[in-house]
């Protein structure tokens, strides 16, 4: 039988391992977005595309902050001996960070597709990607959680 301390230790390790999966994606996306305004084609973007870029860029930055926060919190509070609190905090900000990551990815899909094709195609592509995020990252886990 697992003690509360053992459970909190295990849950914290699981959370930090899950963040190791998400962090490289958000870091690569953020790095890509940092370079975009300096590319040669940036002069051709529309006002709408600049607005979408800004949403993607800010959402990516917020996602980075939130997904890194559990590690920073753990590092600063690790002697507090309340890993349950660290796990609860980490879980909340990780979920928020994944939400902002989804917004950022969807905005990038909208931006790139609008730049390459046209706005109707971009809206369709972004809608499909947004729906996939809603179903796979939100609906499936919540439905499964209710089953058990």
Foldseek 3Di string as FASTA:
>chain_A
DADPLRVLVVLLVVLLVVLVVVQVVLVVLLVVLVCVCVDPCVVVDDPVLVVLSVLLNVLSVLLNCLSCVLVVCCVVCVVVSPSVVSSVSNVVSNLVSVVSNLSNVLSVQLNVCCVVPNNVVSVVRSVVSSVCCCVVVPVVVVVVVVVD
